[in-house]
PDB file of N, CA and C in Angstrom:
ATOM      1  N   MET A   1      70.195-121.772 -81.012  1.00  0.00           N
ATOM      2  CA  MET A   1      70.818-120.530 -81.414  1.00  0.00           C
ATOM      3  C   MET A   1      72.335-120.692 -81.386  1.00  0.00           C
ATOM      4  N   THR A   2      72.908-120.017 -82.292  1.00  0.00           N
ATOM      5  CA  THR A   2      74.360-120.092 -82.338  1.00  0.00           C
ATOM      6  C   THR A   2      74.954-119.098 -81.360  1.00  0.00           C
ATOM      7  N   GLU A   3      76.203-119.323 -81.041  1.00  0.00           N
ATOM      8  CA  GLU A   3      76.899-118.446 -80.104  1.00  0.00           C
ATOM      9  C   GLU A   3      77.003-117.032 -80.674  1.00  0.00           C
ATOM     10  N   LYS A   4      77.179-116.951 -81.992  1.00  0.00           N
ATOM     11  CA  LYS A   4      77.267-115.642 -82.640  1.00  0.00           C
ATOM     12  C   LYS A   4      75.950-114.872 -82.489  1.00  0.00           C
ATOM     13  N   TRP A   5      74.852-115.596 -82.651  1.00  0.00           N
ATOM     14  CA  TRP A   5      73.522-114.978 -82.548  1.00  0.00           C
ATOM     15  C   TRP A   5      73.270-114.502 -81.117  1.00  0.00           C
ATOM     16  N   VAL A   6      73.633-115.273 -80.114  1.00  0.00           N
ATOM     17  CA  VAL A   6      73.487-114.899 -78.716  1.00  0.00           C
ATOM     18  C   VAL A   6      74.339-113.673 -78.411  1.00  0.00           C
ATOM     19  N   SER A   7      75.526-113.670 -78.941  1.00  0.00           N
ATOM     20  CA  SER A   7      76.410-112.530 -78.749  1.00  0.00           C
ATOM     21  C   SER A   7      75.794-111.272 -79.374  1.00  0.00           C
ATOM     22  N   HIS A   8      75.203-111.415 -80.533  1.00  0.00           N
ATOM     23  CA  HIS A   8      74.551-110.299 -81.212  1.00  0.00           C
ATOM     24  C   HIS A   8      73.366-109.796 -80.371  1.00  0.00           C
ATOM     25  N   LEU A   9      72.563-110.700 -79.838  1.00  0.00           N
ATOM     26  CA  LEU A   9      71.423-110.311 -79.000  1.00  0.00           C
ATOM     27  C   LEU A   9      71.902-109.592 -77.734  1.00  0.00           C
ATOM     28  N   ASN A  10      72.963-110.098 -77.127  1.00  0.00           N
ATOM     29  CA  ASN A  10      73.520-109.445 -75.937  1.00  0.00           C
ATOM     30  C   ASN A  10      74.002-108.034 -76.261  1.00  0.00           C
ATOM     31  N   ALA A  11      74.631-107.878 -77.416  1.00  0.00           N
ATOM     32  CA  ALA A  11      75.102-106.549 -77.826  1.00  0.00           C
ATOM     33  C   ALA A  11      73.916-105.611 -78.039  1.00  0.00           C
ATOM     34  N   ASP A  12      72.851-106.130 -78.650  1.00  0.00           N
ATOM     35  CA  ASP A  12      71.637-105.318 -78.847  1.00  0.00           C
ATOM     36  C   ASP A  12      71.035-104.906 -77.510  1.00  0.00           C
ATOM     37  N   LEU A  13      70.962-105.848 -76.569  1.00  0.00           N
ATOM     38  CA  LEU A  13      70.425-105.530 -75.250  1.00  0.00           C
ATOM     39  C   LEU A  13      71.291-104.482 -74.548  1.00  0.00           C
ATOM     40  N   HIS A  14      72.600-104.613 -74.683  1.00  0.00           N
ATOM     41  CA  HIS A  14      73.519-103.655 -74.081  1.00  0.00           C
ATOM     42  C   HIS A  14      73.298-102.264 -74.684  1.00  0.00           C
ATOM     43  N   ASP A  15      73.149-102.186 -76.002  1.00  0.00           N
ATOM     44  CA  ASP A  15      72.896-100.907 -76.673  1.00  0.00           C
ATOM     45  C   ASP A  15      71.565-100.307 -76.233  1.00  0.00           C
ATOM     46  N   MET A  16      70.543-101.154 -76.153  1.00  0.00           N
ATOM     47  CA  MET A  16      69.223-100.667 -75.706  1.00  0.00           C
ATOM     48  C   MET A  16      69.307-100.132 -74.277  1.00  0.00           C
ATOM     49  N   HIS A  17      70.015-100.840 -73.423  1.00  0.00           N
ATOM     50  CA  HIS A  17      70.165-100.430 -72.037  1.00  0.00           C
ATOM     51  C   HIS A  17      70.915 -99.097 -71.955  1.00  0.00           C
ATOM     52  N   PHE A  18      71.982 -98.950 -72.736  1.00  0.00           N
ATOM     53  CA  PHE A  18      72.749 -97.712 -72.743  1.00  0.00           C
ATOM     54  C   PHE A  18      71.881 -96.543 -73.215  1.00  0.00           C
ATOM     55  N   ARG A  19      71.115 -96.752 -74.295  1.00  0.00           N
ATOM     56  CA  ARG A  19      70.213 -95.692 -74.788  1.00  0.00           C
ATOM     57  C   ARG A  19      69.177 -95.331 -73.733  1.00  0.00           C
ATOM     58  N   HIS A  20      68.670 -96.326 -73.044  1.00  0.00           N
ATOM     59  CA  HIS A  20      67.689 -96.097 -71.977  1.00  0.00           C
ATOM     60  C   HIS A  20      68.314 -95.253 -70.852  1.00  0.00           C
ATOM     61  N   LEU A  21      69.521 -95.594 -70.441  1.00  0.00           N
ATOM     62  CA  LEU A  21      70.198 -94.827 -69.389  1.00  0.00           C
ATOM     63  C   LEU A  21      70.456 -93.387 -69.825  1.00  0.00           C
ATOM     64  N   CYS A  22      70.846 -93.195 -71.088  1.00  0.00           N
ATOM     65  CA  CYS A  22      71.074 -91.843 -71.609  1.00  0.00           C
ATOM     66  C   CYS A  22      69.772 -91.050 -71.626  1.00  0.00           C
ATOM     67  N   GLU A  23      68.710 -91.679 -72.044  1.00  0.00           N
ATOM     68  CA  GLU A  23      67.408 -91.008 -72.070  1.00  0.00           C
ATOM     69  C   GLU A  23      66.955 -90.644 -70.653  1.00  0.00           C
ATOM     70  N   MET A  24      67.174 -91.546 -69.730  1.00  0.00           N
ATOM     71  CA  MET A  24      66.821 -91.260 -68.327  1.00  0.00           C
ATOM     72  C   MET A  24      67.632 -90.075 -67.804  1.00  0.00           C
ATOM     73  N   ALA A  25      68.913 -90.016 -68.133  1.00  0.00           N
ATOM     74  CA  ALA A  25      69.755 -88.899 -67.696  1.00  0.00           C
ATOM     75  C   ALA A  25      69.260 -87.591 -68.306  1.00  0.00           C
ATOM     76  N   ASP A  26      68.889 -87.630 -69.583  1.00  0.00           N
ATOM     77  CA  ASP A  26      68.346 -86.433 -70.243  1.00  0.00           C
ATOM     78  C   ASP A  26      67.053 -85.977 -69.571  1.00  0.00           C
ATOM     79  N   LEU A  27      66.199 -86.940 -69.265  1.00  0.00           N
ATOM     80  CA  LEU A  27      64.928 -86.602 -68.605  1.00  0.00           C
ATOM     81  C   LEU A  27      65.157 -86.036 -67.209  1.00  0.00           C
ATOM     82  N   ARG A  28      66.112 -86.575 -66.488  1.00  0.00           N
ATOM     83  CA  ARG A  28      66.426 -86.042 -65.157  1.00  0.00           C
ATOM     84  C   ARG A  28      66.944 -84.608 -65.250  1.00  0.00           C
ATOM     85  N   ARG A  29      67.818 -84.358 -66.240  1.00  0.00           N
ATOM     86  CA  ARG A  29      68.330 -82.991 -66.452  1.00  0.00           C
ATOM     87  C   ARG A  29      67.180 -82.034 -66.789  1.00  0.00           C
ATOM     88  N   GLU A  30      66.306 -82.475 -67.672  1.00  0.00           N
ATOM     89  CA  GLU A  30      65.158 -81.648 -68.066  1.00  0.00           C
ATOM     90  C   GLU A  30      64.241 -81.391 -66.868  1.00  0.00           C
ATOM     91  N   LEU A  31      64.031 -82.404 -66.057  1.00  0.00           N
ATOM     92  CA  LEU A  31      63.201 -82.245 -64.871  1.00  0.00           C
ATOM     93  C   LEU A  31      63.826 -81.232 -63.912  1.00  0.00           C
ATOM     94  N   GLU A  32      65.120 -81.300 -63.712  1.00  0.00           N
ATOM     95  CA  GLU A  32      65.792 -80.346 -62.818  1.00  0.00           C
ATOM     96  C   GLU A  32      65.723 -78.938 -63.379  1.00  0.00           C
ATOM     97  N   GLU A  33      65.863 -78.791 -64.695  1.00  0.00           N
ATOM     98  CA  GLU A  33      65.728 -77.470 -65.315  1.00  0.00           C
ATOM     99  C   GLU A  33      64.305 -76.931 -65.119  1.00  0.00           C
ATOM    100  N   THR A  34      63.322 -77.806 -65.262  1.00  0.00           N
ATOM    101  CA  THR A  34      61.926 -77.402 -65.073  1.00  0.00           C
ATOM    102  C   THR A  34      61.681 -76.999 -63.625  1.00  0.00           C
ATOM    103  N   ARG A  35      62.219 -77.761 -62.697  1.00  0.00           N
ATOM    104  CA  ARG A  35      62.065 -77.420 -61.277  1.00  0.00           C
ATOM    105  C   ARG A  35      62.725 -76.083 -60.963  1.00  0.00           C
ATOM    106  N   ALA A  36      63.904 -75.830 -61.533  1.00  0.00           N
ATOM    107  CA  ALA A  36      64.594 -74.554 -61.303  1.00  0.00           C
ATOM    108  C   ALA A  36      63.779 -73.399 -61.877  1.00  0.00           C
ATOM    109  N   ALA A  37      63.228 -73.596 -63.068  1.00  0.00           N
ATOM    110  CA  ALA A  37      62.390 -72.554 -63.675  1.00  0.00           C
ATOM    111  C   ALA A  37      61.154 -72.306 -62.819  1.00  0.00           C
ATOM    112  N   PHE A  38      60.569 -73.374 -62.281  1.00  0.00           N
ATOM    113  CA  PHE A  38      59.399 -73.225 -61.425  1.00  0.00           C
ATOM    114  C   PHE A  38      59.742 -72.462 -60.152  1.00  0.00           C
ATOM    115  N   ARG A  39      60.894 -72.790 -59.545  1.00  0.00           N
ATOM    116  CA  ARG A  39      61.307 -72.069 -58.334  1.00  0.00           C
ATOM    117  C   ARG A  39      61.496 -70.585 -58.629  1.00  0.00           C
ATOM    118  N   GLU A  40      62.105 -70.281 -59.768  1.00  0.00           N
ATOM    119  CA  GLU A  40      62.315 -68.886 -60.150  1.00  0.00           C
ATOM    120  C   GLU A  40      60.982 -68.183 -60.386  1.00  0.00           C
ATOM    121  N   LEU A  41      60.066 -68.855 -61.070  1.00  0.00           N
ATOM    122  CA  LEU A  41      58.745 -68.283 -61.327  1.00  0.00           C
ATOM    123  C   LEU A  41      57.997 -68.051 -60.020  1.00  0.00           C
ATOM    124  N   ARG A  42      58.070 -69.002 -59.106  1.00  0.00           N
ATOM    125  CA  ARG A  42      57.395 -68.871 -57.816  1.00  0.00           C
ATOM    126  C   ARG A  42      57.972 -67.698 -57.027  1.00  0.00           C
ATOM    127  N   ALA A  43      59.287 -67.562 -57.011  1.00  0.00           N
ATOM    128  CA  ALA A  43      59.927 -66.446 -56.301  1.00  0.00           C
ATOM    129  C   ALA A  43      59.515 -65.105 -56.917  1.00  0.00           C
ATOM    130  N   THR A  44      59.466 -65.058 -58.243  1.00  0.00           N
ATOM    131  CA  THR A  44      59.057 -63.834 -58.925  1.00  0.00           C
ATOM    132  C   THR A  44      57.610 -63.498 -58.604  1.00  0.00           C
ATOM    133  N   SER A  45      56.762 -64.503 -58.603  1.00  0.00           N
ATOM    134  CA  SER A  45      55.350 -64.294 -58.299  1.00  0.00           C
ATOM    135  C   SER A  45      55.161 -63.792 -56.863  1.00  0.00           C
ATOM    136  N   LEU A  46      55.878 -64.388 -55.929  1.00  0.00           N
ATOM    137  CA  LEU A  46      55.783 -63.945 -54.532  1.00  0.00           C
ATOM    138  C   LEU A  46      56.289 -62.513 -54.367  1.00  0.00           C
ATOM    139  N   ALA A  47      57.369 -62.180 -55.072  1.00  0.00           N
ATOM    140  CA  ALA A  47      57.897 -60.811 -55.009  1.00  0.00           C
ATOM    141  C   ALA A  47      56.884 -59.824 -55.573  1.00  0.00           C
ATOM    142  N   ARG A  48      56.232 -60.202 -56.665  1.00  0.00           N
ATOM    143  CA  ARG A  48      55.204 -59.346 -57.254  1.00  0.00           C
ATOM    144  C   ARG A  48      54.035 -59.153 -56.288  1.00  0.00           C
ATOM    145  N   GLN A  49      53.604 -60.222 -55.645  1.00  0.00           N
ATOM    146  CA  GLN A  49      52.505 -60.117 -54.685  1.00  0.00           C
ATOM    147  C   GLN A  49      52.871 -59.205 -53.524  1.00  0.00           C
ATOM    148  N   CYS A  50      54.089 -59.323 -53.038  1.00  0.00           N
ATOM    149  CA  CYS A  50      54.545 -58.450 -51.944  1.00  0.00           C
ATOM    150  C   CYS A  50      54.582 -56.995 -52.402  1.00  0.00           C
ATOM    151  N   ALA A  51      55.070 -56.758 -53.609  1.00  0.00           N
ATOM    152  CA  ALA A  51      55.138 -55.400 -54.137  1.00  0.00           C
ATOM    153  C   ALA A  51      53.735 -54.811 -54.308  1.00  0.00           C
ATOM    154  N   GLU A  52      52.799 -55.630 -54.770  1.00  0.00           N
ATOM    155  CA  GLU A  52      51.419 -55.155 -54.928  1.00  0.00           C
ATOM    156  C   GLU A  52      50.799 -54.821 -53.575  1.00  0.00           C
ATOM    157  N   ALA A  53      51.058 -55.636 -52.567  1.00  0.00           N
ATOM    158  CA  ALA A  53      50.532 -55.368 -51.225  1.00  0.00           C
ATOM    159  C   ALA A  53      51.137 -54.084 -50.667  1.00  0.00           C
ATOM    160  N   GLU A  54      52.442 -53.891 -50.878  1.00  0.00           N
ATOM    161  CA  GLU A  54      53.101 -52.676 -50.409  1.00  0.00           C
ATOM    162  C   GLU A  54      52.527 -51.450 -51.124  1.00  0.00           C
ATOM    163  N   LEU A  55      52.272 -51.580 -52.414  1.00  0.00           N
ATOM    164  CA  LEU A  55      51.697 -50.473 -53.178  1.00  0.00           C
ATOM    165  C   LEU A  55      50.294 -50.131 -52.677  1.00  0.00           C
ATOM    166  N   ARG A  56      49.491 -51.162 -52.391  1.00  0.00           N
ATOM    167  CA  ARG A  56      48.145 -50.907 -51.838  1.00  0.00           C
ATOM    168  C   ARG A  56      48.246 -50.148 -50.512  1.00  0.00           C
ATOM    169  N   GLU A  57      49.200 -50.539 -49.677  1.00  0.00           N
ATOM    170  CA  GLU A  57      49.385 -49.877 -48.389  1.00  0.00           C
ATOM    171  C   GLU A  57      49.823 -48.422 -48.593  1.00  0.00           C
ATOM    172  N   LEU A  58      50.707 -48.195 -49.553  1.00  0.00           N
ATOM    173  CA  LEU A  58      51.135 -46.817 -49.833  1.00  0.00           C
ATOM    174  C   LEU A  58      49.972 -45.970 -50.344  1.00  0.00           C
ATOM    175  N   TYR A  59      49.138 -46.531 -51.210  1.00  0.00           N
ATOM    176  CA  TYR A  59      47.951 -45.804 -51.684  1.00  0.00           C
ATOM    177  C   TYR A  59      47.013 -45.493 -50.511  1.00  0.00           C
ATOM    178  N   ARG A  60      46.845 -46.456 -49.633  1.00  0.00           N
ATOM    179  CA  ARG A  60      45.983 -46.259 -48.460  1.00  0.00           C
ATOM    180  C   ARG A  60      46.522 -45.126 -47.583  1.00  0.00           C
ATOM    181  N   GLU A  61      47.826 -45.172 -47.321  1.00  0.00           N
ATOM    182  CA  GLU A  61      48.437 -44.123 -46.495  1.00  0.00           C
ATOM    183  C   GLU A  61      48.324 -42.761 -47.177  1.00  0.00           C
ATOM    184  N   ARG A  62      48.482 -42.709 -48.497  1.00  0.00           N
ATOM    185  CA  ARG A  62      48.336 -41.450 -49.226  1.00  0.00           C
ATOM    186  C   ARG A  62      46.915 -40.922 -49.113  1.00  0.00           C
ATOM    187  N   SER A  63      45.935 -41.811 -49.239  1.00  0.00           N
ATOM    188  CA  SER A  63      44.533 -41.393 -49.121  1.00  0.00           C
ATOM    189  C   SER A  63      44.244 -40.832 -47.732  1.00  0.00           C
ATOM    190  N   ILE A  64      44.792 -41.471 -46.711  1.00  0.00           N
ATOM    191  CA  ILE A  64      44.594 -40.988 -45.337  1.00  0.00           C
ATOM    192  C   ILE A  64      45.244 -39.621 -45.177  1.00  0.00           C
ATOM    193  N   ALA A  65      46.465 -39.467 -45.692  1.00  0.00           N
ATOM    194  CA  ALA A  65      47.161 -38.180 -45.588  1.00  0.00           C
ATOM    195  C   ALA A  65      46.399 -37.092 -46.344  1.00  0.00           C
ATOM    196  N   GLN A  66      45.862 -37.419 -47.508  1.00  0.00           N
ATOM    197  CA  GLN A  66      45.086 -36.436 -48.273  1.00  0.00           C
ATOM    198  C   GLN A  66      43.810 -36.058 -47.527  1.00  0.00           C
ATOM    199  N   ALA A  67      43.167 -37.045 -46.927  1.00  0.00           N
ATOM    200  CA  ALA A  67      41.929 -36.766 -46.190  1.00  0.00           C
ATOM    201  C   ALA A  67      42.214 -35.892 -44.973  1.00  0.00           C
ATOM    202  N   LYS A  68      43.320 -36.140 -44.315  1.00  0.00           N
ATOM    203  CA  LYS A  68      43.669 -35.331 -43.144  1.00  0.00           C
ATOM    204  C   LYS A  68      44.044 -33.903 -43.548  1.00  0.00           C
ATOM    205  N   ALA A  69      44.563 -33.728 -44.767  1.00  0.00           N
ATOM    206  CA  ALA A  69      45.016 -32.412 -45.223  1.00  0.00           C
ATOM    207  C   ALA A  69      43.850 -31.515 -45.660  1.00  0.00           C
ATOM    208  N   VAL A  70      42.694 -32.082 -45.911  1.00  0.00           N
ATOM    209  CA  VAL A  70      41.542 -31.299 -46.374  1.00  0.00           C
ATOM    210  C   VAL A  70      40.919 -30.567 -45.188  1.00  0.00           C
ATOM    211  N   GLU A  71      40.656 -29.290 -45.403  1.00  0.00           N
ATOM    212  CA  GLU A  71      39.969 -28.525 -44.345  1.00  0.00           C
ATOM    213  C   GLU A  71      38.504 -28.893 -44.361  1.00  0.00           C
ATOM    214  N   ARG A  72      37.957 -29.021 -43.172  1.00  0.00           N
ATOM    215  CA  ARG A  72      36.554 -29.385 -43.052  1.00  0.00           C
ATOM    216  C   ARG A  72      35.696 -28.133 -43.132  1.00  0.00           C
ATOM    217  N   ASN A  73      34.677 -28.233 -43.944  1.00  0.00           N
ATOM    218  CA  ASN A  73      33.698 -27.152 -44.049  1.00  0.00           C
ATOM    219  C   ASN A  73      32.700 -27.335 -42.916  1.00  0.00           C
ATOM    220  N   PRO A  74      32.558 -26.377 -42.025  1.00  0.00           N
ATOM    221  CA  PRO A  74      31.640 -26.520 -40.900  1.00  0.00           C
ATOM    222  C   PRO A  74      30.185 -26.707 -41.335  1.00  0.00           C
ATOM    223  N   ALA A  75      29.863 -26.334 -42.555  1.00  0.00           N
ATOM    224  CA  ALA A  75      28.479 -26.477 -43.022  1.00  0.00           C
ATOM    225  C   ALA A  75      28.164 -27.905 -43.426  1.00  0.00           C
ATOM    226  N   TRP A  76      29.201 -28.719 -43.677  1.00  0.00           N
ATOM    227  CA  TRP A  76      28.968 -30.090 -44.076  1.00  0.00           C
ATOM    228  C   TRP A  76      28.613 -30.939 -42.860  1.00  0.00           C
ATOM    229  N   PRO A  77      27.692 -31.903 -43.055  1.00  0.00           N
ATOM    230  CA  PRO A  77      27.368 -32.796 -41.922  1.00  0.00           C
ATOM    231  C   PRO A  77      28.563 -33.719 -41.613  1.00  0.00           C
ATOM    232  N   LEU A  78      28.628 -34.181 -40.391  1.00  0.00           N
ATOM    233  CA  LEU A  78      29.748 -35.009 -39.964  1.00  0.00           C
ATOM    234  C   LEU A  78      29.655 -36.455 -40.474  1.00  0.00           C
ATOM    235  N   HIS A  79      28.487 -36.877 -40.821  1.00  0.00           N
ATOM    236  CA  HIS A  79      28.377 -38.278 -41.267  1.00  0.00           C
ATOM    237  C   HIS A  79      28.336 -38.440 -42.739  1.00  0.00           C
TER     238      HIS A  79
END
């Protein structure tokens, strides 16, 4: 092989390596964006679950308050 040809191959390898590094950087950025989106989704999901649990508790407390507010008919059986 001639020196010119070796130099050309080295330049090609250098270009391939640079493209590979750029692609890796892009993939790392995309991965971090995906992880951030996942963290946000997880936080939103947990907040929703907490809100649903709080709502169930409020409904339960309302039902208890409504039941306590009803006058008992003495003619009705206790059970």
